[in-house]
Amino acid sequence: MAFLEIDSLHKTFGANTALHHFDMKIERGEFITFLGPSGCGKTTVLRMIAGFEAPTRGTIRLDGRDVTHLRTRQRKVGMVFQAYALFPNMTVAENIGFGLKVAHRPQSEIKQRVDEMLQLIKLPHLGERYPWQLSGGQQQRVALARALAGKPQVLLLDEPLSALDAKIRISLRQDIRALQRELGITSIFVTHDQEEALSISDRIVVMNEGRVEQIGTPLEIYNYPRTRFVASFVGTLNILSGHVIDPSTGRMAVDGQELRTAQTLPVGDAGKKRMLALRPEAIVLEAPAAGRNTLTATVEEVSFLGAIVRIRTRVKDEVISLDIFNDPNRRLPERGQPVALGFSHENLLVLEEGVQG
C-alpha cells in the first residue's frame, strides 16, 4: 500500500469540471511535482489533499487512513503558500510556533521546536524580527519552517517560489529539496515552471485541462513525452507531421523523406498521419550515416545564444530547430545553405493523440 493514495478524485464547481478522475499513488519520502499551466487543476488537487476543498467524488488515503472528509488540522499536513501568509504582527519565532500554540503544546516544547526550525532554515538569529524586516526569500523560509514545525506527514507547497526573483528561486528550491531529503518527508510541490519541476522532483505529474497527461521521472517526462502537450510544454521541441509506412518496423515519412522510429506502432496505423517529436539537442549536422535518420533541409536562421547556437531549418512544410554547443573554432552554416540533419531512431518519438482518461 502506498503512503498517500489518491483514487478517482473528481471536482466540479457548478457546471465546470476542474478535475477529471485523478489517480496516483505516492510513496513515503517521495518528492512529487504537479506541473502545468494556470487553470490545469494542479492547485485544486493540492487543496483537496490539504482539506481546503472537498472532492465531488473520490478518496484520499494517508498512511492507510481515509482522510477524504477530515478537517485540515486532522490530516497531519503542512502547507506553504505562494504569498507566504505570515502574520505581520508576530515575530518570526511566533509565526513558526503558531500552529504548536494553537495545538496547546507546552511553552518549553514550542521554544525548543522553534529553535530547531530556525537552525534548519539557517536563520537562527532572526527569531525576534518581524516579517516586514525580512527579504522575500527569508519570509518563504519562515513559512516553510512554520509548515514543518508540527511534524506533518506530508508537506504541500503551492508555487512557493513564484514571487521571488530568478537567482533566489534557484537557491531556495535547492534548499527545499535538501531539507526534504534530510527530513525524509513526503512532499508535493506545485509549479508551472518546467525547470523547477525537472530539477528537484522524484516524479512529475504533468496536467492539462483538469486531466493527467503523464506521470514519470524528470528523465522520462523530458526524453519520452507521451502526448503532444507534454512534449511541447516541457522543453523546446520540434513537432513534425508524419505518415506511417510500416507500423511493424516504425518506418515513417516526413515530407517525402523516409525516417524510422524505435517504437512499434499498431498494425492499423499504416497510412495514418501521426505527430512526431524531436528535441533540438538530439539533432546533429552530419553527412548521411548508416543506421541513423537523415533529413535534407535548408538553413533559415542561425541564432547565437551564448553557450548554445540554435539553427532553424526548413524541410518543405516543416520547420526544424537544432541546438549545438558554441565552438569558436567551428564554422557555422549560412542562411540558404543545404544541410543534412542526423538523429537516432530512438530520438524520434511518435506521440499519443490526447490526454489520459
Protein backbone atom coordinates (compact mmCIF):
# COMPACT_ATOMS: atom_id res chain seq x y z
CA MET A 1 0.00 0.00 0.00
CA ALA A 2 1.31 3.45 -0.95
CA PHE A 3 1.81 6.10 1.73
CA LEU A 4 -0.55 8.57 0.01
CA GLU A 5 -3.25 7.18 -2.29
CA ILE A 6 -5.47 9.38 -4.43
CA ASP A 7 -8.27 7.38 -6.01
CA SER A 8 -10.57 8.69 -8.77
CA LEU A 9 -10.56 12.28 -7.46
CA HIS A 10 -13.09 14.43 -9.29
CA LYS A 11 -14.03 18.06 -8.67
CA THR A 12 -16.71 20.28 -10.13
CA PHE A 13 -17.58 23.91 -9.42
CA GLY A 14 -21.16 24.34 -10.56
CA ALA A 15 -21.27 23.39 -14.24
CA ASN A 16 -17.47 23.49 -14.58
CA THR A 17 -15.28 20.44 -14.07
CA ALA A 18 -11.92 21.40 -12.58
CA LEU A 19 -10.55 17.87 -12.20
CA HIS A 20 -11.29 14.63 -14.04
CA HIS A 21 -10.65 11.33 -12.24
CA PHE A 22 -7.22 11.95 -10.78
CA ASP A 23 -5.43 8.75 -9.67
CA MET A 24 -2.00 8.49 -8.06
CA LYS A 25 -0.01 6.50 -5.53
CA ILE A 26 2.81 8.34 -3.72
CA GLU A 27 5.43 6.51 -1.68
CA ARG A 28 6.75 7.65 1.69
CA GLY A 29 9.53 10.22 1.29
CA GLU A 30 8.86 10.97 -2.39
CA PHE A 31 9.11 14.48 -3.81
CA ILE A 32 6.28 14.86 -6.33
CA THR A 33 5.70 17.90 -8.53
CA PHE A 34 2.39 18.84 -10.15
CA LEU A 35 3.33 20.70 -13.34
CA GLY A 36 1.06 22.51 -15.77
CA PRO A 37 -0.32 25.85 -16.94
CA SER A 38 -2.64 28.03 -14.86
CA GLY A 39 -6.09 26.51 -14.52
CA CYS A 40 -4.98 22.93 -15.23
CA GLY A 41 -6.19 21.63 -11.83
CA LYS A 42 -2.88 21.17 -10.01
CA THR A 43 -3.69 23.53 -7.12
CA THR A 44 -7.19 22.04 -6.88
CA VAL A 45 -5.66 18.63 -6.19
CA LEU A 46 -3.29 20.14 -3.62
CA ARG A 47 -6.13 21.91 -1.81
CA MET A 48 -8.15 18.69 -1.65
CA ILE A 49 -5.19 16.82 -0.17
CA ALA A 50 -4.85 19.65 2.38
CA GLY A 51 -8.56 19.60 3.20
CA PHE A 52 -9.30 23.13 1.96
CA GLU A 53 -11.59 21.75 -0.77
CA ALA A 54 -13.90 18.74 -0.66
CA PRO A 55 -13.83 16.42 -3.68
CA THR A 56 -17.03 15.89 -5.62
CA ARG A 57 -16.06 12.23 -5.87
CA GLY A 58 -13.06 10.13 -4.97
CA THR A 59 -10.96 9.10 -1.99
CA ILE A 60 -7.73 10.30 -0.33
CA ARG A 61 -5.88 7.90 1.98
CA LEU A 62 -2.87 8.92 4.04
CA ASP A 63 -0.81 6.16 5.65
CA GLY A 64 -3.76 3.78 5.31
CA ARG A 65 -6.27 6.22 6.84
CA ASP A 66 -9.17 7.69 4.85
CA VAL A 67 -8.80 11.46 5.24
CA THR A 68 -11.16 12.48 2.42
CA HIS A 69 -13.60 14.29 4.69
CA LEU A 70 -11.40 15.12 7.66
CA ARG A 71 -10.61 18.72 8.58
CA THR A 72 -7.21 20.12 7.67
CA ARG A 73 -5.90 20.03 11.24
CA GLN A 74 -6.80 16.34 11.48
CA ARG A 75 -4.73 15.33 8.43
CA LYS A 76 -1.16 15.97 9.62
CA VAL A 77 -0.23 18.02 6.57
CA GLY A 78 1.87 21.19 6.37
CA MET A 79 1.17 23.87 3.76
CA VAL A 80 3.46 26.51 2.25
CA PHE A 81 1.62 29.18 0.25
CA GLN A 82 2.70 31.33 -2.67
CA ALA A 83 2.18 34.59 -0.75
CA TYR A 84 3.99 33.49 2.47
CA ALA A 85 0.82 34.14 4.58
CA LEU A 86 2.87 35.19 7.62
CA PHE A 87 1.23 37.13 10.44
CA PRO A 88 2.68 40.68 10.23
CA ASN A 89 2.11 41.41 13.93
CA MET A 90 4.04 38.34 15.07
CA THR A 91 7.79 37.81 15.22
CA VAL A 92 9.49 35.12 13.16
CA ALA A 93 9.59 32.85 16.22
CA GLU A 94 5.91 33.45 16.96
CA ASN A 95 4.96 32.70 13.35
CA ILE A 96 6.87 29.43 13.38
CA GLY A 97 5.36 28.37 16.69
CA PHE A 98 1.81 29.47 15.92
CA GLY A 99 0.47 26.04 14.98
CA LEU A 100 2.01 24.47 18.07
CA LYS A 101 0.46 27.18 20.25
CA VAL A 102 -2.98 26.55 18.71
CA ALA A 103 -2.47 22.85 19.46
CA HIS A 104 -1.85 23.80 23.13
CA ARG A 105 1.65 22.39 23.24
CA PRO A 106 3.76 23.28 26.31
CA GLN A 107 5.71 26.52 26.02
CA SER A 108 9.01 24.73 26.58
CA GLU A 109 8.26 22.34 23.72
CA ILE A 110 7.28 25.24 21.43
CA LYS A 111 10.50 27.11 22.16
CA GLN A 112 12.64 24.03 21.56
CA ARG A 113 10.90 23.27 18.27
CA VAL A 114 11.09 26.89 17.09
CA ASP A 115 14.82 26.94 17.81
CA GLU A 116 15.22 23.71 15.84
CA MET A 117 13.33 25.18 12.89
CA LEU A 118 15.35 28.41 12.92
CA GLN A 119 18.52 26.33 12.74
CA LEU A 120 17.04 24.18 9.99
CA ILE A 121 16.24 27.17 7.75
CA LYS A 122 19.58 28.83 8.56
CA LEU A 123 18.04 31.89 10.26
CA PRO A 124 18.98 31.23 13.90
CA HIS A 125 19.47 34.92 14.82
CA LEU A 126 16.31 36.33 13.24
CA GLY A 127 13.67 34.91 15.59
CA GLU A 128 12.78 38.30 17.09
CA ARG A 129 12.39 40.10 13.79
CA TYR A 130 9.05 40.76 12.09
CA PRO A 131 8.17 39.59 8.55
CA TRP A 132 8.46 43.10 7.12
CA GLN A 133 12.10 43.17 8.23
CA LEU A 134 12.95 40.11 6.11
CA SER A 135 13.64 39.61 2.42
CA GLY A 136 11.20 37.61 0.29
CA GLY A 137 13.45 34.56 0.39
CA GLN A 138 13.76 34.77 4.18
CA GLN A 139 9.99 35.11 4.56
CA GLN A 140 9.43 31.98 2.49
CA ARG A 141 11.96 30.11 4.64
CA VAL A 142 9.95 31.13 7.71
CA ALA A 143 6.74 29.93 6.03
CA LEU A 144 8.47 26.62 5.32
CA ALA A 145 9.62 26.33 8.95
CA ARG A 146 6.08 27.03 10.18
CA ALA A 147 4.71 24.27 7.94
CA LEU A 148 7.31 21.81 9.25
CA ALA A 149 7.11 22.77 12.94
CA GLY A 150 4.19 20.47 13.67
CA LYS A 151 6.00 17.44 12.16
CA PRO A 152 3.46 16.83 9.35
CA GLN A 153 3.33 13.55 7.44
CA VAL A 154 3.04 15.41 4.12
CA LEU A 155 4.43 18.79 3.08
CA LEU A 156 2.39 20.69 0.46
CA LEU A 157 3.97 23.61 -1.43
CA ASP A 158 1.73 25.76 -3.65
CA GLU A 159 4.04 27.65 -6.06
CA PRO A 160 6.16 28.85 -3.13
CA LEU A 161 8.87 30.44 -5.31
CA SER A 162 6.81 32.32 -7.89
CA ALA A 163 7.06 35.70 -6.08
CA LEU A 164 10.87 35.60 -5.90
CA ASP A 165 13.48 36.74 -8.40
CA ALA A 166 15.29 34.15 -10.52
CA LYS A 167 18.54 33.87 -8.53
CA ILE A 168 16.77 33.47 -5.18
CA ARG A 169 14.36 30.95 -6.71
CA ILE A 170 17.21 28.67 -7.77
CA SER A 171 18.89 28.90 -4.37
CA LEU A 172 15.70 28.33 -2.39
CA ARG A 173 14.46 25.41 -4.48
CA GLN A 174 17.79 23.69 -3.87
CA ASP A 175 17.40 24.35 -0.13
CA ILE A 176 13.83 22.99 -0.13
CA ARG A 177 14.97 19.80 -1.83
CA ALA A 178 17.91 19.42 0.58
CA LEU A 179 15.59 19.89 3.58
CA GLN A 180 13.10 17.41 2.18
CA ARG A 181 15.81 14.79 1.77
CA GLU A 182 17.21 15.48 5.24
CA LEU A 183 13.79 15.11 6.89
CA GLY A 184 12.57 12.33 4.59
CA ILE A 185 9.15 13.97 4.42
CA THR A 186 6.70 13.15 1.63
CA SER A 187 6.27 16.37 -0.36
CA ILE A 188 4.06 17.67 -3.16
CA PHE A 189 5.21 20.79 -4.99
CA VAL A 190 3.00 22.76 -7.40
CA THR A 191 4.55 24.85 -10.16
CA HIS A 192 4.10 25.98 -13.75
CA ASP A 193 7.88 26.28 -14.16
CA GLN A 194 9.27 23.28 -16.05
CA GLU A 195 12.87 23.93 -14.93
CA GLU A 196 11.82 23.82 -11.27
CA ALA A 197 9.95 20.58 -11.83
CA LEU A 198 12.79 18.89 -13.71
CA SER A 199 15.48 19.95 -11.25
CA ILE A 200 14.01 18.84 -7.92
CA SER A 201 11.43 16.09 -8.45
CA ASP A 202 11.46 12.34 -7.97
CA ARG A 203 8.39 12.20 -10.21
CA ILE A 204 6.41 14.79 -12.15
CA VAL A 205 2.67 14.84 -12.82
CA VAL A 206 2.02 16.86 -15.98
CA MET A 207 -1.54 18.20 -16.02
CA ASN A 208 -3.70 19.92 -18.61
CA GLU A 209 -7.35 20.96 -18.51
CA GLY A 210 -8.07 19.05 -15.30
CA ARG A 211 -6.54 15.79 -16.50
CA VAL A 212 -3.28 13.94 -16.06
CA GLU A 213 -1.28 13.87 -19.29
CA GLN A 214 1.69 11.89 -17.99
CA ILE A 215 3.36 10.77 -14.76
CA GLY A 216 7.05 9.94 -14.75
CA THR A 217 10.55 10.78 -13.61
CA PRO A 218 12.09 14.01 -14.93
CA LEU A 219 14.12 11.99 -17.45
CA GLU A 220 11.02 10.12 -18.64
CA ILE A 221 8.94 13.28 -18.94
CA TYR A 222 11.62 15.14 -20.89
CA ASN A 223 13.04 12.36 -23.05
CA TYR A 224 9.90 10.29 -23.63
CA PRO A 225 6.83 12.58 -23.67
CA ARG A 226 3.67 10.62 -24.39
CA THR A 227 1.45 13.39 -25.74
CA ARG A 228 1.88 16.48 -27.84
CA PHE A 229 1.02 18.67 -24.85
CA VAL A 230 3.75 17.16 -22.66
CA ALA A 231 6.26 17.34 -25.49
CA SER A 232 5.59 21.00 -26.19
CA PHE A 233 5.12 22.13 -22.55
CA VAL A 234 8.32 20.59 -21.20
CA GLY A 235 11.37 21.94 -23.01
CA THR A 236 11.88 23.12 -26.57
CA LEU A 237 10.63 20.68 -29.15
CA ASN A 238 10.16 20.12 -32.87
CA ILE A 239 6.71 18.77 -33.72
CA LEU A 240 6.58 17.11 -37.15
CA SER A 241 3.74 15.65 -39.16
CA GLY A 242 4.49 12.18 -40.46
CA HIS A 243 2.75 9.33 -42.24
CA VAL A 244 3.13 5.70 -41.20
CA ILE A 245 4.62 3.49 -43.91
CA ASP A 246 5.20 0.26 -41.96
CA PRO A 247 3.96 0.09 -38.34
CA SER A 248 5.86 -3.11 -37.51
CA THR A 249 9.27 -1.56 -38.30
CA GLY A 250 8.48 2.03 -37.32
CA ARG A 251 9.00 3.36 -40.86
CA MET A 252 7.58 6.87 -41.30
CA ALA A 253 7.63 9.57 -43.99
CA VAL A 254 8.06 13.32 -43.35
CA ASP A 255 7.55 15.47 -46.44
CA GLY A 256 8.51 12.53 -48.65
CA GLN A 257 11.69 11.64 -46.73
CA GLU A 258 11.73 8.25 -45.03
CA LEU A 259 12.59 8.01 -41.33
CA ARG A 260 12.41 5.35 -38.64
CA THR A 261 11.34 5.39 -35.02
CA ALA A 262 12.32 2.78 -32.47
CA GLN A 263 8.66 2.48 -31.44
CA THR A 264 6.42 -0.32 -32.69
CA LEU A 265 3.09 1.07 -33.85
CA PRO A 266 -0.36 -0.56 -34.03
CA VAL A 267 -0.93 -2.51 -37.27
CA GLY A 268 -3.95 -0.33 -38.04
CA ASP A 269 -1.76 2.80 -38.19
CA ALA A 270 -0.49 2.01 -41.70
CA GLY A 271 -1.09 5.07 -43.90
CA LYS A 272 -2.25 7.20 -40.96
CA LYS A 273 -0.95 10.65 -40.07
CA ARG A 274 0.89 10.76 -36.72
CA MET A 275 2.59 13.60 -34.86
CA LEU A 276 6.30 13.16 -34.19
CA ALA A 277 8.53 14.82 -31.59
CA LEU A 278 12.24 15.56 -31.88
CA ARG A 279 14.34 17.52 -29.37
CA PRO A 280 16.68 20.18 -30.86
CA GLU A 281 19.68 18.87 -28.93
CA ALA A 282 19.19 15.37 -30.40
CA ILE A 283 20.00 16.60 -33.93
CA VAL A 284 23.48 17.00 -35.40
CA LEU A 285 24.74 18.39 -38.71
CA GLU A 286 26.30 15.44 -40.48
CA ALA A 287 26.54 13.55 -43.71
CA PRO A 288 24.06 10.68 -44.07
CA ALA A 289 25.17 7.71 -41.97
CA ALA A 290 24.05 4.08 -41.98
CA GLY A 291 21.71 3.22 -39.13
CA ARG A 292 20.67 6.83 -38.47
CA ASN A 293 17.84 9.04 -39.65
CA THR A 294 18.75 11.84 -42.04
CA LEU A 295 16.65 14.76 -43.28
CA THR A 296 17.79 17.11 -46.03
CA ALA A 297 16.94 20.69 -45.03
CA THR A 298 17.74 24.32 -45.77
CA VAL A 299 19.07 26.75 -43.15
CA GLU A 300 16.67 29.65 -42.43
CA GLU A 301 18.27 31.32 -39.38
CA VAL A 302 21.31 30.98 -37.11
CA SER A 303 20.89 32.46 -33.59
CA PHE A 304 23.77 32.86 -31.14
CA LEU A 305 22.51 32.22 -27.57
CA GLY A 306 25.79 32.20 -25.66
CA ALA A 307 26.74 28.63 -24.82
CA ILE A 308 24.23 27.38 -27.41
CA VAL A 309 23.77 28.16 -31.10
CA ARG A 310 20.24 27.50 -32.38
CA ILE A 311 19.90 26.75 -36.07
CA ARG A 312 16.46 26.91 -37.66
CA THR A 313 15.99 24.88 -40.81
CA ARG A 314 13.14 24.03 -43.16
CA VAL A 315 12.11 20.76 -44.76
CA LYS A 316 9.35 21.81 -47.17
CA ASP A 317 6.39 22.43 -44.80
CA GLU A 318 8.25 21.51 -41.61
CA VAL A 319 10.43 23.89 -39.55
CA ILE A 320 13.10 22.05 -37.53
CA SER A 321 15.43 23.67 -35.00
CA LEU A 322 18.62 22.15 -33.66
CA ASP A 323 20.92 23.23 -30.84
CA ILE A 324 24.69 22.86 -30.91
CA PHE A 325 27.30 23.94 -28.37
CA ASN A 326 29.13 27.14 -29.18
CA ASP A 327 32.58 26.31 -30.54
CA PRO A 328 34.59 29.35 -31.74
CA ASN A 329 36.64 27.05 -34.00
CA ARG A 330 33.59 25.66 -35.75
CA ARG A 331 32.26 27.18 -38.92
CA LEU A 332 28.51 27.69 -38.76
CA PRO A 333 26.22 27.17 -41.76
CA GLU A 334 24.83 30.22 -43.54
CA ARG A 335 21.26 31.14 -44.40
CA GLY A 336 20.05 29.33 -47.52
CA GLN A 337 22.68 26.60 -47.20
CA PRO A 338 21.50 22.98 -47.62
CA VAL A 339 22.36 20.75 -44.67
CA ALA A 340 21.85 17.15 -43.54
CA LEU A 341 20.14 16.71 -40.17
CA GLY A 342 21.11 13.47 -38.44
CA PHE A 343 19.48 11.83 -35.40
CA SER A 344 18.96 8.38 -33.98
CA HIS A 345 15.83 6.27 -34.34
CA GLU A 346 15.32 6.39 -30.56
CA ASN A 347 15.11 10.20 -30.57
CA LEU A 348 12.16 10.31 -32.99
CA LEU A 349 9.06 9.84 -30.84
CA VAL A 350 5.50 9.09 -32.01
CA LEU A 351 3.06 11.00 -29.79
CA GLU A 352 -0.25 9.83 -28.42
CA GLU A 353 -3.25 11.78 -29.59
CA GLY A 354 -4.54 13.22 -26.33
CA VAL A 355 -4.75 13.22 -22.56
CA GLN A 356 -5.46 10.27 -20.37
CA GLY A 357 -8.89 9.33 -19.14
